[in-house]
Each structure stands twice: as C-alpha cells, then as structure tokens.
Amino acid sequence: MLSGRPGVGKTTVAQAVARELSAAGVPVGGFVTEEVRTGPEAAGSRGASPSRRGFAVEDLQSGQRATLADVSLPGPPRIGRYGVDVEAFERVALPALRRPAGGVLVVDEVGPMELESTAFRDRIARLADDPEPAVVTVPARTHPLLERLRAAGDEDAVTTETRDGLPASIVARLRRSLRDEEAA
C-alpha cells in the first residue's frame, strides 16, 4: 500500500510500478485516478499556472476513461469543491478490479471520492482479505476501511524524498511474491 498527502506522487509511483511490471511481462489490472488540469491558456492569462479542475479514472488494461469528479458537476455527492460522478466511476473502476491471472492489481486510489461508491467499498473490503499481491494508494487520513487495508499488508509512505526510489523496490518485492506463489 502507498500512502501520502495529496499531490505527493502516489499516482506517479503507482503508474511507474504498473509500467515496470508490464515491461517485465507481469500482467497488470486495475485503475489509476489522475488530476484533470486546465492549461495556462484556459486560466485566462499568459504565464498563469494550470489549475486542478477535477479527476479522471482510467482502466489500466482497456484504457477506458471517465470523469470521477469535476468542479462543474453539481453532485451530490460533493467532496470539497468537486461534484463526484459515482456512476461514471463505477462504470470504469469496478470492471477494472479484476486481478489478471498471475498478475498484480493496481488500485489508485481509495480516497474520499472513490469511497462514495458502495459497490467500490464492498470490493475493496474483499481486497483487504485477499492475500494476492496488489498496489493500493490511500490518502494519509483515517477511515475504517483504510485502517483495515493498512492492517492487511505493507505500507510505503510516499514523500518527495521517497517517491523516486519506491517503484523499483515495490516491483522487486512484487516479483518475489509472484515467484513464491508460483513455487508453492
């Protein structure tokens, strides 16, 4: 499990792990949640920095994408300034939660927006009891389901100091785990 503050690089680490595993021939399933930003030209002036407008969810195998949350969505539910599209999230994320045979499941992220989906919470609760290898990102906050996930496995804290080295160490650990499963 990868934990850390918003914007520290949890998604970046999860994507790097998925790429490295795929490059090594390890099947990868799951999804990532990425920020959707407006460009400087959309901000209305030259040199303006891009601003976060929402989040999209993407299935790692099919490439299917959907809007998870956006400032223009009315909600409910609303998390901060974002309206959450639970139906769109479930349409992409739930089918993506199938672990490929002999592979690794990547779930980015189990956060407040994603937890608005009852079906997703149920699947993640089952994942907490699953001994198969998975990479799950969580925010640095408490929630009963997050505490259950933390108790179920290893937790790597993503910080600006650790994020660049984490993918290689996580991939090595996952590949050892997969070899051990094959040998058993």
N, C-alpha and C. Protein backbone atom coordinates (compact mmCIF):
# COMPACT_ATOMS: atom_id res chain seq x y z
N MET A 1 0.85 -1.17 0.00
CA MET A 1 0.00 0.00 0.00
C MET A 1 0.90 1.24 0.00
N LEU A 2 0.45 2.24 -0.76
CA LEU A 2 1.15 3.51 -0.82
C LEU A 2 0.29 4.57 -0.15
N SER A 3 0.85 5.27 0.80
CA SER A 3 0.09 6.32 1.48
C SER A 3 0.87 7.63 1.42
N GLY A 4 0.12 8.72 1.49
CA GLY A 4 0.77 10.01 1.49
C GLY A 4 -0.22 11.14 1.31
N ARG A 5 0.29 12.33 1.46
CA ARG A 5 -0.53 13.53 1.33
C ARG A 5 -0.94 13.74 -0.13
N PRO A 6 -2.00 14.51 -0.36
CA PRO A 6 -2.39 14.82 -1.74
C PRO A 6 -1.25 15.53 -2.49
N GLY A 7 -1.04 15.12 -3.73
CA GLY A 7 -0.05 15.77 -4.58
C GLY A 7 1.38 15.34 -4.36
N VAL A 8 1.63 14.38 -3.47
CA VAL A 8 3.00 13.99 -3.17
C VAL A 8 3.57 13.02 -4.21
N GLY A 9 2.71 12.36 -4.99
CA GLY A 9 3.20 11.46 -6.03
C GLY A 9 2.74 10.02 -5.93
N LYS A 10 1.68 9.74 -5.19
CA LYS A 10 1.19 8.36 -5.07
C LYS A 10 0.81 7.79 -6.44
N THR A 11 0.08 8.57 -7.23
CA THR A 11 -0.32 8.11 -8.56
C THR A 11 0.89 7.91 -9.45
N THR A 12 1.85 8.80 -9.37
CA THR A 12 3.07 8.69 -10.16
C THR A 12 3.79 7.38 -9.84
N VAL A 13 3.88 7.04 -8.56
CA VAL A 13 4.54 5.80 -8.15
C VAL A 13 3.73 4.60 -8.65
N ALA A 14 2.40 4.63 -8.48
CA ALA A 14 1.56 3.52 -8.93
C ALA A 14 1.69 3.31 -10.44
N GLN A 15 1.70 4.40 -11.21
CA GLN A 15 1.85 4.29 -12.67
C GLN A 15 3.21 3.72 -13.03
N ALA A 16 4.26 4.15 -12.35
CA ALA A 16 5.61 3.63 -12.63
C ALA A 16 5.69 2.14 -12.31
N VAL A 17 5.08 1.72 -11.21
CA VAL A 17 5.06 0.30 -10.86
C VAL A 17 4.33 -0.49 -11.94
N ALA A 18 3.18 0.00 -12.39
CA ALA A 18 2.41 -0.69 -13.44
C ALA A 18 3.23 -0.79 -14.72
N ARG A 19 3.89 0.29 -15.12
CA ARG A 19 4.72 0.27 -16.34
C ARG A 19 5.87 -0.73 -16.23
N GLU A 20 6.56 -0.71 -15.08
CA GLU A 20 7.70 -1.61 -14.90
C GLU A 20 7.26 -3.07 -14.87
N LEU A 21 6.15 -3.35 -14.20
CA LEU A 21 5.65 -4.73 -14.18
C LEU A 21 5.26 -5.17 -15.58
N SER A 22 4.55 -4.33 -16.31
CA SER A 22 4.14 -4.67 -17.67
C SER A 22 5.35 -4.91 -18.56
N ALA A 23 6.37 -4.06 -18.43
CA ALA A 23 7.59 -4.22 -19.22
C ALA A 23 8.30 -5.53 -18.90
N ALA A 24 8.12 -6.03 -17.67
CA ALA A 24 8.73 -7.29 -17.25
C ALA A 24 7.84 -8.49 -17.58
N GLY A 25 6.72 -8.25 -18.25
CA GLY A 25 5.83 -9.33 -18.65
C GLY A 25 4.83 -9.75 -17.59
N VAL A 26 4.69 -8.97 -16.53
CA VAL A 26 3.74 -9.28 -15.47
C VAL A 26 2.40 -8.61 -15.82
N PRO A 27 1.31 -9.38 -15.92
CA PRO A 27 0.01 -8.78 -16.21
C PRO A 27 -0.42 -7.83 -15.09
N VAL A 28 -0.96 -6.67 -15.49
CA VAL A 28 -1.39 -5.66 -14.53
C VAL A 28 -2.84 -5.29 -14.82
N GLY A 29 -3.65 -5.31 -13.78
CA GLY A 29 -5.03 -4.86 -13.89
C GLY A 29 -5.25 -3.72 -12.92
N GLY A 30 -6.45 -3.15 -12.95
CA GLY A 30 -6.78 -2.09 -12.02
C GLY A 30 -6.98 -0.77 -12.72
N PHE A 31 -6.87 0.30 -11.95
CA PHE A 31 -7.11 1.64 -12.48
C PHE A 31 -6.25 2.66 -11.77
N VAL A 32 -6.10 3.80 -12.43
CA VAL A 32 -5.45 4.97 -11.82
C VAL A 32 -6.42 6.14 -11.89
N THR A 33 -6.28 7.03 -10.95
CA THR A 33 -7.08 8.25 -10.89
C THR A 33 -6.11 9.41 -11.07
N GLU A 34 -6.34 10.21 -12.10
CA GLU A 34 -5.43 11.31 -12.41
C GLU A 34 -6.13 12.65 -12.29
N GLU A 35 -5.35 13.66 -11.97
CA GLU A 35 -5.87 15.02 -11.93
C GLU A 35 -6.18 15.48 -13.36
N VAL A 36 -7.23 16.27 -13.48
CA VAL A 36 -7.54 16.95 -14.74
C VAL A 36 -7.27 18.42 -14.47
N ARG A 37 -6.39 19.01 -15.26
CA ARG A 37 -5.99 20.41 -15.05
C ARG A 37 -6.35 21.23 -16.26
N THR A 38 -6.62 22.49 -16.03
CA THR A 38 -6.81 23.43 -17.12
C THR A 38 -5.46 24.01 -17.46
N GLY A 39 -5.21 24.25 -18.73
CA GLY A 39 -3.93 24.80 -19.15
C GLY A 39 -3.83 26.28 -18.88
N PRO A 40 -2.62 26.82 -19.00
CA PRO A 40 -2.42 28.25 -18.76
C PRO A 40 -3.34 29.11 -19.63
N GLU A 41 -3.53 28.69 -20.89
CA GLU A 41 -4.39 29.50 -21.75
C GLU A 41 -5.84 29.47 -21.27
N ALA A 42 -6.28 28.37 -20.66
CA ALA A 42 -7.64 28.29 -20.12
C ALA A 42 -7.77 29.09 -18.83
N ALA A 43 -6.64 29.38 -18.18
CA ALA A 43 -6.68 30.17 -16.94
C ALA A 43 -6.93 31.64 -17.22
N GLY A 44 -6.83 32.05 -18.50
CA GLY A 44 -7.21 33.40 -18.85
C GLY A 44 -6.09 34.39 -19.04
N SER A 45 -4.85 34.00 -18.72
CA SER A 45 -3.76 34.94 -18.94
C SER A 45 -2.48 34.19 -19.21
N ARG A 46 -1.60 34.85 -19.91
CA ARG A 46 -0.30 34.25 -20.21
C ARG A 46 0.50 34.04 -18.93
N GLY A 47 1.17 32.92 -18.84
CA GLY A 47 2.01 32.66 -17.70
C GLY A 47 1.26 32.19 -16.46
N ALA A 48 -0.07 32.12 -16.53
CA ALA A 48 -0.83 31.63 -15.38
C ALA A 48 -0.57 30.14 -15.23
N SER A 49 -0.54 29.67 -14.03
CA SER A 49 -0.30 28.25 -13.81
C SER A 49 -1.61 27.48 -13.98
N PRO A 50 -1.48 26.22 -14.43
CA PRO A 50 -2.69 25.42 -14.59
C PRO A 50 -3.36 25.17 -13.24
N SER A 51 -4.67 25.01 -13.26
CA SER A 51 -5.37 24.73 -12.02
C SER A 51 -6.12 23.41 -12.13
N ARG A 52 -6.29 22.74 -10.99
CA ARG A 52 -6.98 21.46 -10.97
C ARG A 52 -8.47 21.70 -11.10
N ARG A 53 -9.07 21.00 -12.06
CA ARG A 53 -10.50 21.15 -12.30
C ARG A 53 -11.26 19.90 -11.88
N GLY A 54 -10.54 18.77 -11.74
CA GLY A 54 -11.21 17.54 -11.35
C GLY A 54 -10.29 16.35 -11.42
N PHE A 55 -10.93 15.17 -11.55
CA PHE A 55 -10.19 13.91 -11.58
C PHE A 55 -10.84 12.97 -12.58
N ALA A 56 -10.01 12.18 -13.26
CA ALA A 56 -10.49 11.16 -14.18
C ALA A 56 -9.99 9.80 -13.70
N VAL A 57 -10.75 8.76 -14.00
CA VAL A 57 -10.36 7.40 -13.68
C VAL A 57 -10.08 6.68 -14.99
N GLU A 58 -8.99 5.86 -15.02
CA GLU A 58 -8.62 5.14 -16.24
C GLU A 58 -8.32 3.68 -15.93
N ASP A 59 -8.96 2.79 -16.68
CA ASP A 59 -8.71 1.35 -16.59
C ASP A 59 -7.34 1.08 -17.21
N LEU A 60 -6.44 0.43 -16.47
CA LEU A 60 -5.08 0.18 -16.94
C LEU A 60 -5.03 -0.80 -18.10
N GLN A 61 -6.00 -1.71 -18.22
CA GLN A 61 -5.96 -2.68 -19.31
C GLN A 61 -6.66 -2.16 -20.56
N SER A 62 -7.85 -1.63 -20.42
CA SER A 62 -8.63 -1.23 -21.60
C SER A 62 -8.36 0.21 -22.02
N GLY A 63 -7.85 1.03 -21.12
CA GLY A 63 -7.65 2.44 -21.42
C GLY A 63 -8.92 3.27 -21.32
N GLN A 64 -10.05 2.61 -20.96
CA GLN A 64 -11.30 3.35 -20.83
C GLN A 64 -11.16 4.38 -19.72
N ARG A 65 -11.70 5.59 -19.97
CA ARG A 65 -11.62 6.71 -19.02
C ARG A 65 -13.00 7.28 -18.76
N ALA A 66 -13.14 7.87 -17.60
CA ALA A 66 -14.37 8.59 -17.24
C ALA A 66 -14.02 9.66 -16.23
N THR A 67 -14.88 10.65 -16.16
CA THR A 67 -14.73 11.70 -15.15
C THR A 67 -15.19 11.16 -13.81
N LEU A 68 -14.33 11.24 -12.82
CA LEU A 68 -14.68 10.88 -11.46
C LEU A 68 -15.30 12.08 -10.75
N ALA A 69 -14.64 13.22 -10.89
CA ALA A 69 -15.11 14.42 -10.19
C ALA A 69 -14.69 15.64 -10.99
N ASP A 70 -15.50 16.70 -10.86
CA ASP A 70 -15.20 17.92 -11.58
C ASP A 70 -15.85 19.09 -10.84
N VAL A 71 -15.22 20.26 -10.94
CA VAL A 71 -15.77 21.44 -10.28
C VAL A 71 -17.13 21.81 -10.87
N SER A 72 -17.41 21.41 -12.12
CA SER A 72 -18.67 21.77 -12.76
C SER A 72 -19.81 20.78 -12.47
N LEU A 73 -19.49 19.64 -11.89
CA LEU A 73 -20.55 18.66 -11.56
C LEU A 73 -21.30 19.13 -10.32
N PRO A 74 -22.63 19.06 -10.37
CA PRO A 74 -23.40 19.58 -9.24
C PRO A 74 -23.40 18.68 -8.01
N GLY A 75 -23.18 17.37 -8.21
CA GLY A 75 -23.35 16.46 -7.07
C GLY A 75 -24.83 16.31 -6.77
N PRO A 76 -25.26 15.76 -5.70
CA PRO A 76 -24.42 15.09 -4.72
C PRO A 76 -23.87 13.79 -5.30
N PRO A 77 -22.86 13.28 -4.71
CA PRO A 77 -22.13 13.85 -3.58
C PRO A 77 -21.15 14.93 -4.02
N ARG A 78 -20.73 15.69 -3.05
CA ARG A 78 -19.68 16.70 -3.25
C ARG A 78 -18.58 16.44 -2.22
N ILE A 79 -17.36 16.50 -2.70
CA ILE A 79 -16.19 16.40 -1.84
C ILE A 79 -15.42 17.69 -2.07
N GLY A 80 -15.42 18.56 -1.08
CA GLY A 80 -14.80 19.87 -1.26
C GLY A 80 -15.51 20.61 -2.38
N ARG A 81 -14.76 21.10 -3.33
CA ARG A 81 -15.35 21.86 -4.42
C ARG A 81 -15.75 21.01 -5.62
N TYR A 82 -15.62 19.68 -5.50
CA TYR A 82 -15.86 18.78 -6.62
C TYR A 82 -17.17 18.01 -6.47
N GLY A 83 -17.95 17.98 -7.55
CA GLY A 83 -19.06 17.06 -7.63
C GLY A 83 -18.51 15.72 -8.10
N VAL A 84 -18.99 14.63 -7.52
CA VAL A 84 -18.48 13.30 -7.82
C VAL A 84 -19.52 12.55 -8.67
N ASP A 85 -19.06 11.97 -9.79
CA ASP A 85 -19.92 11.18 -10.65
C ASP A 85 -19.70 9.70 -10.31
N VAL A 86 -20.44 9.22 -9.33
CA VAL A 86 -20.27 7.85 -8.83
C VAL A 86 -20.55 6.84 -9.93
N GLU A 87 -21.59 7.09 -10.72
CA GLU A 87 -21.96 6.15 -11.78
C GLU A 87 -20.83 6.01 -12.82
N ALA A 88 -20.25 7.11 -13.25
CA ALA A 88 -19.15 7.06 -14.22
C ALA A 88 -17.95 6.34 -13.61
N PHE A 89 -17.64 6.64 -12.36
CA PHE A 89 -16.54 5.96 -11.68
C PHE A 89 -16.76 4.46 -11.65
N GLU A 90 -17.95 4.03 -11.25
CA GLU A 90 -18.24 2.59 -11.16
C GLU A 90 -18.17 1.93 -12.53
N ARG A 91 -18.60 2.62 -13.58
CA ARG A 91 -18.60 2.06 -14.93
C ARG A 91 -17.18 1.69 -15.37
N VAL A 92 -16.18 2.45 -14.94
CA VAL A 92 -14.79 2.17 -15.31
C VAL A 92 -14.08 1.35 -14.23
N ALA A 93 -14.19 1.77 -12.99
CA ALA A 93 -13.38 1.18 -11.92
C ALA A 93 -13.79 -0.23 -11.53
N LEU A 94 -15.08 -0.49 -11.44
CA LEU A 94 -15.50 -1.82 -10.97
C LEU A 94 -15.05 -2.95 -11.90
N PRO A 95 -15.24 -2.85 -13.22
CA PRO A 95 -14.73 -3.92 -14.09
C PRO A 95 -13.20 -4.03 -14.04
N ALA A 96 -12.52 -2.92 -13.77
CA ALA A 96 -11.05 -2.92 -13.72
C ALA A 96 -10.51 -3.64 -12.50
N LEU A 97 -11.35 -3.91 -11.51
CA LEU A 97 -10.90 -4.53 -10.27
C LEU A 97 -10.78 -6.05 -10.36
N ARG A 98 -10.59 -6.56 -11.56
CA ARG A 98 -10.35 -8.00 -11.74
C ARG A 98 -8.84 -8.22 -11.88
N ARG A 99 -8.31 -9.01 -10.97
CA ARG A 99 -6.87 -9.29 -10.99
C ARG A 99 -6.57 -10.22 -12.17
N PRO A 100 -5.62 -9.85 -13.02
CA PRO A 100 -5.26 -10.75 -14.13
C PRO A 100 -4.54 -11.98 -13.59
N ALA A 101 -4.73 -13.11 -14.24
CA ALA A 101 -4.09 -14.35 -13.81
C ALA A 101 -2.58 -14.17 -13.74
N GLY A 102 -2.00 -14.53 -12.60
CA GLY A 102 -0.56 -14.42 -12.42
C GLY A 102 -0.05 -13.00 -12.36
N GLY A 103 -0.96 -12.05 -12.11
CA GLY A 103 -0.56 -10.65 -12.16
C GLY A 103 -0.84 -9.88 -10.88
N VAL A 104 -0.80 -8.57 -11.04
CA VAL A 104 -0.92 -7.64 -9.92
C VAL A 104 -2.06 -6.67 -10.20
N LEU A 105 -2.80 -6.37 -9.17
CA LEU A 105 -3.87 -5.39 -9.25
C LEU A 105 -3.37 -4.06 -8.71
N VAL A 106 -3.62 -2.97 -9.45
CA VAL A 106 -3.25 -1.62 -9.03
C VAL A 106 -4.54 -0.84 -8.81
N VAL A 107 -4.70 -0.29 -7.61
CA VAL A 107 -5.90 0.49 -7.26
C VAL A 107 -5.44 1.87 -6.79
N ASP A 108 -5.63 2.85 -7.65
CA ASP A 108 -5.23 4.22 -7.34
C ASP A 108 -6.45 5.12 -7.51
N GLU A 109 -7.18 5.43 -6.54
CA GLU A 109 -6.85 5.44 -5.15
C GLU A 109 -8.09 5.06 -4.37
N VAL A 110 -7.92 4.76 -3.10
CA VAL A 110 -9.05 4.52 -2.20
C VAL A 110 -9.16 5.77 -1.33
N GLY A 111 -9.79 6.79 -1.89
CA GLY A 111 -9.92 8.07 -1.23
C GLY A 111 -11.36 8.47 -1.04
N PRO A 112 -11.61 9.65 -0.53
CA PRO A 112 -12.97 10.08 -0.20
C PRO A 112 -13.94 10.06 -1.39
N MET A 113 -13.46 10.42 -2.58
CA MET A 113 -14.35 10.43 -3.75
C MET A 113 -14.73 9.01 -4.14
N GLU A 114 -13.74 8.14 -4.19
CA GLU A 114 -13.98 6.74 -4.57
C GLU A 114 -14.85 6.03 -3.54
N LEU A 115 -14.67 6.38 -2.27
CA LEU A 115 -15.44 5.73 -1.20
C LEU A 115 -16.91 6.14 -1.19
N GLU A 116 -17.30 7.08 -2.04
CA GLU A 116 -18.72 7.41 -2.19
C GLU A 116 -19.49 6.27 -2.86
N SER A 117 -18.79 5.36 -3.51
CA SER A 117 -19.40 4.21 -4.17
C SER A 117 -19.49 3.04 -3.20
N THR A 118 -20.71 2.62 -2.90
CA THR A 118 -20.92 1.46 -2.02
C THR A 118 -20.34 0.20 -2.64
N ALA A 119 -20.55 0.01 -3.94
CA ALA A 119 -20.04 -1.19 -4.61
C ALA A 119 -18.51 -1.22 -4.56
N PHE A 120 -17.88 -0.07 -4.71
CA PHE A 120 -16.42 0.00 -4.63
C PHE A 120 -15.95 -0.33 -3.22
N ARG A 121 -16.60 0.25 -2.21
CA ARG A 121 -16.22 -0.05 -0.81
C ARG A 121 -16.31 -1.55 -0.55
N ASP A 122 -17.36 -2.20 -1.06
CA ASP A 122 -17.52 -3.65 -0.86
C ASP A 122 -16.37 -4.43 -1.50
N ARG A 123 -15.99 -4.04 -2.71
CA ARG A 123 -14.90 -4.73 -3.41
C ARG A 123 -13.57 -4.53 -2.68
N ILE A 124 -13.35 -3.31 -2.20
CA ILE A 124 -12.09 -3.03 -1.51
C ILE A 124 -12.04 -3.77 -0.17
N ALA A 125 -13.17 -3.91 0.49
CA ALA A 125 -13.20 -4.69 1.73
C ALA A 125 -12.78 -6.13 1.46
N ARG A 126 -13.21 -6.69 0.34
CA ARG A 126 -12.80 -8.06 -0.01
C ARG A 126 -11.30 -8.10 -0.36
N LEU A 127 -10.82 -7.04 -0.99
CA LEU A 127 -9.41 -6.97 -1.35
C LEU A 127 -8.53 -6.98 -0.10
N ALA A 128 -9.01 -6.37 0.97
CA ALA A 128 -8.24 -6.34 2.22
C ALA A 128 -8.00 -7.75 2.76
N ASP A 129 -8.89 -8.69 2.42
CA ASP A 129 -8.75 -10.08 2.89
C ASP A 129 -8.05 -10.97 1.87
N ASP A 130 -7.68 -10.43 0.72
CA ASP A 130 -7.09 -11.20 -0.36
C ASP A 130 -5.56 -11.23 -0.21
N PRO A 131 -4.97 -12.42 -0.16
CA PRO A 131 -3.51 -12.49 0.00
C PRO A 131 -2.74 -12.21 -1.29
N GLU A 132 -3.42 -12.10 -2.42
CA GLU A 132 -2.74 -11.86 -3.70
C GLU A 132 -2.11 -10.47 -3.70
N PRO A 133 -1.00 -10.30 -4.44
CA PRO A 133 -0.31 -9.01 -4.45
C PRO A 133 -1.13 -7.91 -5.12
N ALA A 134 -1.07 -6.73 -4.52
CA ALA A 134 -1.78 -5.57 -5.05
C ALA A 134 -1.02 -4.31 -4.65
N VAL A 135 -1.19 -3.27 -5.45
CA VAL A 135 -0.67 -1.95 -5.13
C VAL A 135 -1.89 -1.06 -4.96
N VAL A 136 -2.06 -0.54 -3.76
CA VAL A 136 -3.23 0.28 -3.43
C VAL A 136 -2.74 1.60 -2.88
N THR A 137 -3.24 2.71 -3.43
CA THR A 137 -2.87 4.01 -2.88
C THR A 137 -4.00 4.53 -2.01
N VAL A 138 -3.60 5.13 -0.89
CA VAL A 138 -4.56 5.68 0.06
C VAL A 138 -4.07 7.03 0.56
N PRO A 139 -5.00 7.91 0.90
CA PRO A 139 -4.57 9.19 1.47
C PRO A 139 -4.08 9.00 2.91
N ALA A 140 -3.34 9.97 3.39
CA ALA A 140 -2.85 9.93 4.77
C ALA A 140 -3.96 10.44 5.69
N ARG A 141 -5.00 9.68 5.81
CA ARG A 141 -6.14 10.02 6.67
C ARG A 141 -6.71 8.73 7.21
N THR A 142 -7.64 8.83 8.11
CA THR A 142 -8.22 7.63 8.69
C THR A 142 -9.64 7.42 8.18
N HIS A 143 -9.99 6.18 8.08
CA HIS A 143 -11.32 5.70 7.70
C HIS A 143 -11.28 4.22 8.06
N PRO A 144 -12.36 3.64 8.55
CA PRO A 144 -12.31 2.23 8.95
C PRO A 144 -11.80 1.29 7.85
N LEU A 145 -12.20 1.52 6.61
CA LEU A 145 -11.74 0.66 5.52
C LEU A 145 -10.25 0.87 5.25
N LEU A 146 -9.78 2.09 5.34
CA LEU A 146 -8.36 2.35 5.15
C LEU A 146 -7.53 1.71 6.25
N GLU A 147 -8.03 1.74 7.46
CA GLU A 147 -7.31 1.10 8.57
C GLU A 147 -7.27 -0.41 8.37
N ARG A 148 -8.33 -0.97 7.83
CA ARG A 148 -8.36 -2.41 7.53
C ARG A 148 -7.33 -2.76 6.46
N LEU A 149 -7.22 -1.93 5.43
CA LEU A 149 -6.21 -2.14 4.39
C LEU A 149 -4.80 -2.03 4.97
N ARG A 150 -4.59 -1.04 5.82
CA ARG A 150 -3.27 -0.86 6.43
C ARG A 150 -2.88 -2.08 7.26
N ALA A 151 -3.84 -2.64 7.96
CA ALA A 151 -3.56 -3.80 8.81
C ALA A 151 -3.27 -5.05 7.99
N ALA A 152 -3.71 -5.07 6.73
CA ALA A 152 -3.59 -6.27 5.90
C ALA A 152 -2.23 -6.41 5.21
N GLY A 153 -1.43 -5.36 5.16
CA GLY A 153 -0.19 -5.51 4.41
C GLY A 153 0.82 -4.43 4.65
N ASP A 154 1.87 -4.46 3.81
CA ASP A 154 2.95 -3.49 3.90
C ASP A 154 2.45 -2.11 3.49
N GLU A 155 3.00 -1.09 4.14
CA GLU A 155 2.65 0.28 3.79
C GLU A 155 3.93 1.06 3.52
N ASP A 156 3.99 1.66 2.35
CA ASP A 156 5.10 2.52 1.98
C ASP A 156 4.61 3.95 2.00
N ALA A 157 5.29 4.82 2.73
CA ALA A 157 4.93 6.23 2.77
C ALA A 157 5.57 6.93 1.58
N VAL A 158 4.74 7.58 0.77
CA VAL A 158 5.24 8.33 -0.37
C VAL A 158 5.48 9.76 0.08
N THR A 159 6.72 10.19 -0.07
CA THR A 159 7.10 11.57 0.23
C THR A 159 7.92 12.07 -0.95
N THR A 160 8.23 13.34 -0.97
CA THR A 160 9.08 13.85 -2.05
C THR A 160 10.46 13.19 -2.00
N GLU A 161 10.87 12.76 -0.83
CA GLU A 161 12.18 12.11 -0.69
C GLU A 161 12.15 10.64 -1.12
N THR A 162 11.02 9.95 -0.95
CA THR A 162 10.98 8.51 -1.22
C THR A 162 10.40 8.14 -2.58
N ARG A 163 9.63 9.03 -3.21
CA ARG A 163 8.84 8.62 -4.38
C ARG A 163 9.66 8.15 -5.56
N ASP A 164 10.85 8.68 -5.80
CA ASP A 164 11.63 8.26 -6.96
C ASP A 164 12.19 6.85 -6.82
N GLY A 165 12.53 6.45 -5.61
CA GLY A 165 13.10 5.11 -5.40
C GLY A 165 12.07 4.03 -5.14
N LEU A 166 10.86 4.41 -4.82
CA LEU A 166 9.85 3.41 -4.46
C LEU A 166 9.47 2.45 -5.58
N PRO A 167 9.26 2.90 -6.82
CA PRO A 167 8.82 1.95 -7.84
C PRO A 167 9.72 0.72 -7.97
N ALA A 168 11.03 0.91 -8.03
CA ALA A 168 11.93 -0.23 -8.19
C ALA A 168 11.85 -1.19 -7.01
N SER A 169 11.79 -0.67 -5.79
CA SER A 169 11.74 -1.56 -4.63
C SER A 169 10.39 -2.29 -4.56
N ILE A 170 9.32 -1.61 -4.93
CA ILE A 170 7.99 -2.25 -4.91
C ILE A 170 7.92 -3.33 -5.98
N VAL A 171 8.42 -3.04 -7.17
CA VAL A 171 8.41 -4.03 -8.25
C VAL A 171 9.22 -5.26 -7.84
N ALA A 172 10.38 -5.06 -7.25
CA ALA A 172 11.20 -6.19 -6.80
C ALA A 172 10.45 -7.03 -5.78
N ARG A 173 9.80 -6.38 -4.84
CA ARG A 173 9.03 -7.09 -3.81
C ARG A 173 7.87 -7.87 -4.43
N LEU A 174 7.16 -7.24 -5.38
CA LEU A 174 6.03 -7.91 -6.03
C LEU A 174 6.49 -9.10 -6.87
N ARG A 175 7.59 -8.94 -7.57
CA ARG A 175 8.09 -10.05 -8.40
C ARG A 175 8.51 -11.23 -7.53
N ARG A 176 9.12 -10.95 -6.36
CA ARG A 176 9.46 -12.03 -5.42
C ARG A 176 8.20 -12.74 -4.96
N SER A 177 7.19 -11.96 -4.62
CA SER A 177 5.93 -12.52 -4.15
C SER A 177 5.29 -13.41 -5.22
N LEU A 178 5.30 -12.94 -6.46
CA LEU A 178 4.72 -13.74 -7.55
C LEU A 178 5.51 -15.02 -7.78
N ARG A 179 6.86 -14.95 -7.70
CA ARG A 179 7.68 -16.16 -7.84
C ARG A 179 7.38 -17.15 -6.72
N ASP A 180 7.23 -16.64 -5.50
CA ASP A 180 6.92 -17.50 -4.36
C ASP A 180 5.58 -18.20 -4.56
N GLU A 181 4.58 -17.47 -5.10
CA GLU A 181 3.27 -18.08 -5.37
C GLU A 181 3.38 -19.20 -6.40
N GLU A 182 4.17 -18.96 -7.47
CA GLU A 182 4.32 -19.96 -8.50
C GLU A 182 5.00 -21.22 -7.96
N ALA A 183 5.96 -21.04 -7.05
CA ALA A 183 6.70 -22.16 -6.47
C ALA A 183 5.86 -22.98 -5.51
N ALA A 184 4.86 -22.36 -4.92
CA ALA A 184 4.05 -23.04 -3.90
C ALA A 184 3.10 -24.06 -4.49
